[in-house]
Amino acid sequence: MVSLPSLSPEVERELSARMDAVERFLFDHAAGEFPFATETSRHLISAGGKRFRPMLTLLASNYGDPTREEIIKAAVVVELTHLATLYHDDVMDEAPLRRGVESANKRWGNSVAILTGDYLFAKSSLLLADLGPDAVRHQAMTFERLVVGQIMETQGPQGGMDRLAHYIKVVTEKTGSLFGLCARYGGYLSGAKPEIVETLVRFSEELGIAFQLADDVIDIESSSNQSGKTPGTDLREGVPTLVTLLVQQMGLASDTRLLELLSGPILDESDVEFALQALREHEALHEAKRITMQYAESARKMLSTLPLNGTTEGLLGLCDALVSRSA
């Protein structure tokens, strides 16, 4: 779990205890009658992860009654949904590594990875049935946005749409939407006031955008597996990111070779290393950090209407923790 230094000791103790409950529930709920399905579905669960989404769900529930049993289930629902998308994403990206371990598609093949993602979606749906029709409706609406975002990314910008604007829209749908769902579940299932719930949703979507943009920076800048993926994965797959789109937008004459490499997947490892080094020294990386901070600051401002308490301070700290990942 991400450390939030701004949390009061009391809020931190309560959050830590509930996150432990989420972790146990998550691990247990992945089990099924078929041992192999249990093994493959627990593969990424056991690898760990930042658990941003369930943590956001729990923090949002503090604006109502956080002791309601539905809250833990909702936190597991969003993490299972996220995990399922990772299995599918790794197949589409042919990723060899996820969360510092061998990806499911690399270990067992694409078919098993896809079916494991489907299995986790089914497990998530079983929990949703206990949360009521509103929860099911919001999950369906969010899932539609996730899929549309993926289709948009696959298809690319259409009708002369600006590539950077298209990318931010993709990030909003693929990442921001699920962050927003976390806050919605935590808020309304705990009985928080509707106006507070809507503020939390808007905040969380903006936070989700900043989260993904920070990952874009980390994929370029990190010399380790800080993002849980092999650094330069997006370059190898020819996937556009904030940093590479900014380089292409700048179109500097001195970037001729770099721009040529960024026009598609980079297959040669020496070319990947060249591109990484060039991007780490590029003005576009600094601009990407500035834009990331801009979204995080926008999210922070949205919290101004919430009660100033330990939870609000924790959410502010979440913004800081997110940006510091790419600072």
Protein backbone atom coordinates (compact mmCIF):
# COMPACT_ATOMS: atom_id res chain seq x y z
CA MET A 1 0.00 0.00 0.00
CA VAL A 2 1.18 3.52 -0.75
CA SER A 3 2.37 5.39 2.34
CA LEU A 4 0.54 8.63 3.07
CA PRO A 5 2.60 10.65 5.55
CA SER A 6 -0.20 13.22 5.94
CA LEU A 7 -2.55 10.70 7.57
CA SER A 8 -3.22 11.11 11.27
CA PRO A 9 -2.15 8.08 13.35
CA GLU A 10 -5.78 7.19 14.06
CA VAL A 11 -6.89 7.32 10.40
CA GLU A 12 -3.77 5.44 9.36
CA ARG A 13 -4.42 2.63 11.87
CA GLU A 14 -8.03 2.27 10.75
CA LEU A 15 -7.10 2.38 7.06
CA SER A 16 -4.32 -0.15 7.52
CA ALA A 17 -6.62 -2.58 9.33
CA ARG A 18 -9.29 -2.29 6.64
CA MET A 19 -6.72 -2.67 3.86
CA ASP A 20 -5.59 -5.89 5.53
CA ALA A 21 -9.21 -7.04 5.45
CA VAL A 22 -9.41 -6.15 1.75
CA GLU A 23 -6.23 -8.11 1.05
CA ARG A 24 -7.54 -11.23 2.79
CA PHE A 25 -10.92 -11.00 1.09
CA LEU A 26 -9.28 -10.43 -2.30
CA PHE A 27 -7.05 -13.49 -1.95
CA ASP A 28 -9.83 -15.73 -0.64
CA HIS A 29 -12.44 -14.63 -3.16
CA ALA A 30 -10.15 -15.48 -6.10
CA ALA A 31 -10.36 -19.15 -5.08
CA GLY A 32 -12.65 -21.47 -7.05
CA GLU A 33 -13.43 -25.11 -7.61
CA PHE A 34 -10.79 -25.47 -10.33
CA PRO A 35 -7.27 -25.24 -8.78
CA PHE A 36 -5.59 -23.95 -11.94
CA ALA A 37 -8.01 -21.01 -12.20
CA THR A 38 -7.25 -20.19 -8.56
CA GLU A 39 -3.51 -20.34 -9.25
CA THR A 40 -3.61 -18.11 -12.32
CA SER A 41 -5.99 -15.56 -10.78
CA ARG A 42 -3.87 -15.27 -7.64
CA HIS A 43 -0.72 -14.77 -9.69
CA LEU A 44 -0.96 -10.97 -9.83
CA ILE A 45 -2.71 -10.70 -6.45
CA SER A 46 0.27 -12.34 -4.78
CA ALA A 47 2.65 -10.09 -6.73
CA GLY A 48 1.32 -7.18 -4.69
CA GLY A 49 0.71 -3.75 -6.16
CA LYS A 50 -0.03 -0.24 -4.98
CA ARG A 51 -3.71 -0.98 -4.23
CA PHE A 52 -4.56 2.66 -4.99
CA ARG A 53 -8.11 1.81 -5.98
CA PRO A 54 -9.29 -0.07 -2.88
CA MET A 55 -7.51 2.47 -0.70
CA LEU A 56 -9.39 5.27 -2.44
CA THR A 57 -12.66 3.39 -1.87
CA LEU A 58 -11.94 3.07 1.84
CA LEU A 59 -10.91 6.71 2.23
CA ALA A 60 -14.08 7.87 0.47
CA SER A 61 -16.18 5.78 2.87
CA ASN A 62 -14.88 7.85 5.80
CA TYR A 63 -17.31 10.61 4.79
CA GLY A 64 -20.15 8.31 5.83
CA ASP A 65 -20.20 5.14 7.92
CA PRO A 66 -17.02 3.24 7.00
CA THR A 67 -17.99 0.20 9.11
CA ARG A 68 -20.69 -0.97 6.69
CA GLU A 69 -19.74 -4.42 5.42
CA GLU A 70 -20.47 -3.46 1.80
CA ILE A 71 -17.41 -1.18 1.79
CA ILE A 72 -14.84 -4.00 1.92
CA LYS A 73 -16.70 -5.87 -0.82
CA ALA A 74 -16.76 -2.75 -2.99
CA ALA A 75 -13.02 -2.25 -2.50
CA VAL A 76 -12.44 -5.83 -3.64
CA VAL A 77 -14.76 -5.33 -6.64
CA VAL A 78 -12.70 -2.43 -7.99
CA GLU A 79 -9.39 -4.21 -7.46
CA LEU A 80 -10.66 -7.38 -9.16
CA THR A 81 -11.87 -5.27 -12.07
CA HIS A 82 -8.49 -3.58 -12.31
CA LEU A 83 -6.64 -6.90 -12.12
CA ALA A 84 -8.81 -8.38 -14.86
CA THR A 85 -7.95 -5.50 -17.18
CA LEU A 86 -4.23 -6.05 -16.49
CA TYR A 87 -4.43 -9.66 -17.68
CA HIS A 88 -6.12 -8.50 -20.88
CA ASP A 89 -3.79 -5.51 -21.36
CA ASP A 90 -0.70 -7.71 -21.08
CA VAL A 91 -2.00 -9.92 -23.89
CA MET A 92 -2.66 -6.91 -26.11
CA ASP A 93 0.74 -5.41 -25.31
CA GLU A 94 2.58 -8.74 -25.30
CA ALA A 95 4.10 -7.63 -22.00
CA PRO A 96 6.63 -10.02 -20.41
CA LEU A 97 6.52 -8.48 -16.95
CA ARG A 98 3.83 -7.18 -14.61
CA ARG A 99 4.25 -6.02 -11.02
CA GLY A 100 7.81 -7.24 -11.06
CA VAL A 101 6.90 -10.84 -11.94
CA GLU A 102 6.46 -12.78 -15.15
CA SER A 103 3.16 -11.82 -16.78
CA ALA A 104 0.43 -14.46 -17.02
CA ASN A 105 0.54 -14.47 -20.82
CA LYS A 106 4.31 -15.01 -20.76
CA ARG A 107 3.99 -17.82 -18.22
CA TRP A 108 0.88 -19.66 -19.42
CA GLY A 109 0.08 -18.20 -22.84
CA ASN A 110 -2.43 -15.69 -24.15
CA SER A 111 -5.48 -17.94 -23.94
CA VAL A 112 -5.01 -18.63 -20.22
CA ALA A 113 -4.33 -14.94 -19.52
CA ILE A 114 -7.51 -13.84 -21.33
CA LEU A 115 -9.61 -16.49 -19.59
CA THR A 116 -8.14 -15.53 -16.22
CA GLY A 117 -9.17 -11.92 -16.82
CA ASP A 118 -12.67 -13.14 -17.66
CA TYR A 119 -12.67 -15.28 -14.51
CA LEU A 120 -11.82 -12.24 -12.38
CA PHE A 121 -14.59 -10.22 -14.02
CA ALA A 122 -16.98 -13.04 -13.08
CA LYS A 123 -15.71 -13.01 -9.50
CA SER A 124 -16.20 -9.26 -9.37
CA SER A 125 -19.77 -9.66 -10.64
CA LEU A 126 -20.58 -12.16 -7.89
CA LEU A 127 -19.71 -9.54 -5.27
CA LEU A 128 -21.60 -6.83 -7.14
CA ALA A 129 -24.78 -8.87 -6.82
CA ASP A 130 -24.55 -8.32 -3.05
CA LEU A 131 -24.17 -4.54 -3.43
CA GLY A 132 -27.46 -3.87 -5.19
CA PRO A 133 -28.66 -2.70 -8.62
CA ASP A 134 -27.14 0.78 -8.34
CA ALA A 135 -23.69 -0.73 -7.84
CA VAL A 136 -24.21 -3.03 -10.83
CA ARG A 137 -25.36 -0.09 -12.98
CA HIS A 138 -22.35 2.05 -12.07
CA GLN A 139 -20.00 -0.87 -12.71
CA ALA A 140 -21.55 -1.46 -16.13
CA MET A 141 -21.26 2.23 -17.04
CA THR A 142 -17.63 2.30 -15.93
CA PHE A 143 -16.83 -0.93 -17.76
CA GLU A 144 -18.30 0.56 -20.93
CA ARG A 145 -15.97 3.54 -20.54
CA LEU A 146 -12.98 1.24 -19.97
CA VAL A 147 -13.70 -0.70 -23.15
CA VAL A 148 -14.40 2.42 -25.22
CA GLY A 149 -11.13 3.91 -23.97
CA GLN A 150 -9.27 0.79 -25.08
CA ILE A 151 -10.98 0.86 -28.48
CA MET A 152 -10.07 4.54 -28.86
CA GLU A 153 -6.45 3.74 -28.04
CA THR A 154 -6.40 0.85 -30.50
CA GLN A 155 -8.03 2.85 -33.29
CA GLY A 156 -6.07 6.05 -32.74
CA PRO A 157 -7.29 9.66 -33.18
CA GLN A 158 -9.95 10.09 -35.84
CA GLY A 159 -11.18 13.00 -37.93
CA GLY A 160 -8.12 15.17 -37.42
CA MET A 161 -8.40 15.07 -33.61
CA ASP A 162 -5.31 16.37 -31.83
CA ARG A 163 -3.22 13.37 -30.77
CA LEU A 164 -2.49 14.74 -27.30
CA ALA A 165 -6.16 15.55 -26.66
CA HIS A 166 -7.07 12.06 -27.88
CA TYR A 167 -4.56 10.53 -25.49
CA ILE A 168 -5.89 12.43 -22.49
CA LYS A 169 -9.40 11.27 -23.43
CA VAL A 170 -8.16 7.65 -23.56
CA VAL A 171 -6.54 8.03 -20.13
CA THR A 172 -9.72 9.58 -18.74
CA GLU A 173 -11.80 6.62 -19.93
CA LYS A 174 -9.32 3.82 -19.18
CA THR A 175 -7.95 5.02 -15.85
CA GLY A 176 -9.93 7.99 -14.56
CA SER A 177 -13.28 6.22 -14.84
CA LEU A 178 -12.31 3.37 -12.50
CA PHE A 179 -10.80 5.80 -9.99
CA GLY A 180 -14.11 7.67 -10.06
CA LEU A 181 -16.01 4.43 -9.44
CA CYS A 182 -13.88 3.76 -6.35
CA ALA A 183 -14.91 7.07 -4.82
CA ARG A 184 -18.54 6.59 -5.80
CA TYR A 185 -18.72 3.18 -4.15
CA GLY A 186 -16.97 4.31 -1.00
CA GLY A 187 -19.07 7.45 -0.77
CA TYR A 188 -22.61 6.33 -1.44
CA LEU A 189 -22.33 2.85 0.11
CA SER A 190 -21.22 4.51 3.35
CA GLY A 191 -24.19 6.89 3.25
CA ALA A 192 -22.18 10.05 2.56
CA LYS A 193 -24.10 13.12 1.37
CA PRO A 194 -24.71 13.17 -2.41
CA GLU A 195 -22.82 16.43 -2.91
CA ILE A 196 -19.80 14.96 -1.13
CA VAL A 197 -19.98 11.82 -3.26
CA GLU A 198 -19.99 13.83 -6.49
CA THR A 199 -17.03 15.91 -5.32
CA LEU A 200 -15.12 12.72 -4.49
CA VAL A 201 -15.92 11.27 -7.92
CA ARG A 202 -14.69 14.35 -9.79
CA PHE A 203 -11.58 14.49 -7.63
CA SER A 204 -10.83 10.83 -8.17
CA GLU A 205 -11.20 10.93 -11.94
CA GLU A 206 -8.74 13.82 -12.10
CA LEU A 207 -6.44 11.91 -9.74
CA GLY A 208 -6.65 8.87 -12.03
CA ILE A 209 -5.48 10.92 -14.99
CA ALA A 210 -2.52 12.24 -13.00
CA PHE A 211 -1.77 8.67 -11.86
CA GLN A 212 -1.47 7.40 -15.43
CA LEU A 213 0.55 10.38 -16.59
CA ALA A 214 2.95 9.77 -13.70
CA ASP A 215 3.32 6.17 -14.90
CA ASP A 216 4.20 7.49 -18.35
CA VAL A 217 7.07 9.46 -16.86
CA ILE A 218 8.21 6.52 -14.74
CA ASP A 219 8.25 4.19 -17.77
CA ILE A 220 10.84 6.49 -19.32
CA GLU A 221 12.77 7.73 -16.33
CA SER A 222 13.07 4.72 -14.08
CA SER A 223 16.10 2.46 -14.38
CA SER A 224 14.32 -0.17 -12.27
CA ASN A 225 10.89 -1.78 -12.43
CA GLN A 226 9.28 1.01 -10.41
CA SER A 227 6.12 0.95 -12.50
CA GLY A 228 5.82 -2.84 -12.26
CA LYS A 229 6.68 -3.13 -15.95
CA THR A 230 9.98 -3.36 -17.78
CA PRO A 231 11.16 0.25 -18.37
CA GLY A 232 10.60 1.22 -21.99
CA THR A 233 7.76 -1.28 -22.47
CA ASP A 234 5.60 1.32 -24.21
CA LEU A 235 8.48 2.17 -26.56
CA ARG A 236 8.91 -1.46 -27.53
CA GLU A 237 5.21 -1.79 -28.28
CA GLY A 238 4.90 1.55 -30.05
CA VAL A 239 2.27 2.69 -27.54
CA PRO A 240 1.95 6.49 -27.42
CA THR A 241 2.44 8.14 -24.03
CA LEU A 242 2.44 11.70 -22.79
CA VAL A 243 6.22 11.99 -23.13
CA THR A 244 6.48 10.59 -26.65
CA LEU A 245 3.48 12.57 -27.88
CA LEU A 246 5.07 15.77 -26.59
CA VAL A 247 8.31 14.97 -28.44
CA GLN A 248 6.34 14.45 -31.64
CA GLN A 249 4.36 17.63 -31.04
CA MET A 250 7.58 19.64 -30.60
CA GLY A 251 9.05 18.15 -33.80
CA LEU A 252 12.57 19.46 -33.20
CA ALA A 253 15.07 19.10 -36.04
CA SER A 254 17.60 17.71 -33.56
CA ASP A 255 15.24 14.80 -32.82
CA THR A 256 15.24 13.33 -36.33
CA ARG A 257 16.41 9.86 -35.29
CA LEU A 258 14.29 9.82 -32.15
CA LEU A 259 11.17 10.84 -34.08
CA GLU A 260 11.84 8.10 -36.60
CA LEU A 261 12.03 5.52 -33.81
CA LEU A 262 8.87 6.83 -32.15
CA SER A 263 6.87 6.35 -35.34
CA GLY A 264 6.29 2.69 -34.47
CA PRO A 265 7.35 -0.21 -32.23
CA ILE A 266 11.06 -0.25 -31.42
CA LEU A 267 12.28 -3.81 -31.91
CA ASP A 268 16.04 -3.48 -31.48
CA GLU A 269 17.18 -3.24 -27.85
CA SER A 270 20.01 -0.85 -28.69
CA ASP A 271 17.44 1.47 -30.27
CA VAL A 272 15.28 1.18 -27.13
CA GLU A 273 18.25 2.22 -25.00
CA PHE A 274 19.01 5.13 -27.34
CA ALA A 275 15.40 6.31 -27.19
CA LEU A 276 15.24 6.00 -23.41
CA GLN A 277 18.43 7.99 -22.94
CA ALA A 278 17.30 10.65 -25.40
CA LEU A 279 13.90 10.97 -23.71
CA ARG A 280 15.45 11.19 -20.24
CA GLU A 281 17.39 14.25 -21.37
CA HIS A 282 14.55 15.77 -23.40
CA GLU A 283 12.55 18.89 -22.62
CA ALA A 284 9.42 16.81 -23.22
CA LEU A 285 10.06 14.84 -20.02
CA HIS A 286 10.07 18.03 -17.95
CA GLU A 287 6.91 19.20 -19.71
CA ALA A 288 5.26 15.84 -18.98
CA LYS A 289 6.07 16.25 -15.28
CA ARG A 290 4.61 19.75 -15.34
CA ILE A 291 1.38 18.51 -16.91
CA THR A 292 1.18 15.65 -14.40
CA MET A 293 1.55 18.09 -11.52
CA GLN A 294 -1.08 20.29 -13.13
CA TYR A 295 -3.65 17.48 -13.04
CA ALA A 296 -2.70 16.56 -9.48
CA GLU A 297 -3.07 20.18 -8.39
CA SER A 298 -6.44 20.36 -10.15
CA ALA A 299 -7.53 17.31 -8.15
CA ARG A 300 -6.33 18.91 -4.93
CA LYS A 301 -8.41 22.04 -5.56
CA MET A 302 -11.55 19.94 -5.93
CA LEU A 303 -11.21 18.91 -2.28
CA SER A 304 -11.68 22.48 -1.05
CA THR A 305 -15.42 21.97 -0.48
CA LEU A 306 -14.96 18.87 1.67
CA PRO A 307 -14.74 18.96 5.47
CA LEU A 308 -11.16 19.54 6.57
CA ASN A 309 -10.44 16.39 8.53
CA GLY A 310 -7.95 13.54 8.66
CA THR A 311 -9.40 11.85 5.59
CA THR A 312 -9.33 15.01 3.46
CA GLU A 313 -5.71 15.52 4.51
CA GLY A 314 -5.07 11.91 3.49
CA LEU A 315 -6.55 12.50 0.03
CA LEU A 316 -4.38 15.59 -0.34
CA GLY A 317 -1.44 13.42 0.65
CA LEU A 318 -2.47 10.91 -2.00
CA CYS A 319 -2.05 13.61 -4.63
CA ASP A 320 1.41 14.39 -3.29
CA ALA A 321 2.40 10.71 -3.14
CA LEU A 322 1.26 10.22 -6.71
CA VAL A 323 3.21 13.17 -8.09
CA SER A 324 6.31 12.27 -6.08
CA ARG A 325 6.43 8.98 -7.99
CA SER A 326 7.36 10.92 -11.10
CA ALA A 327 9.12 13.95 -9.57
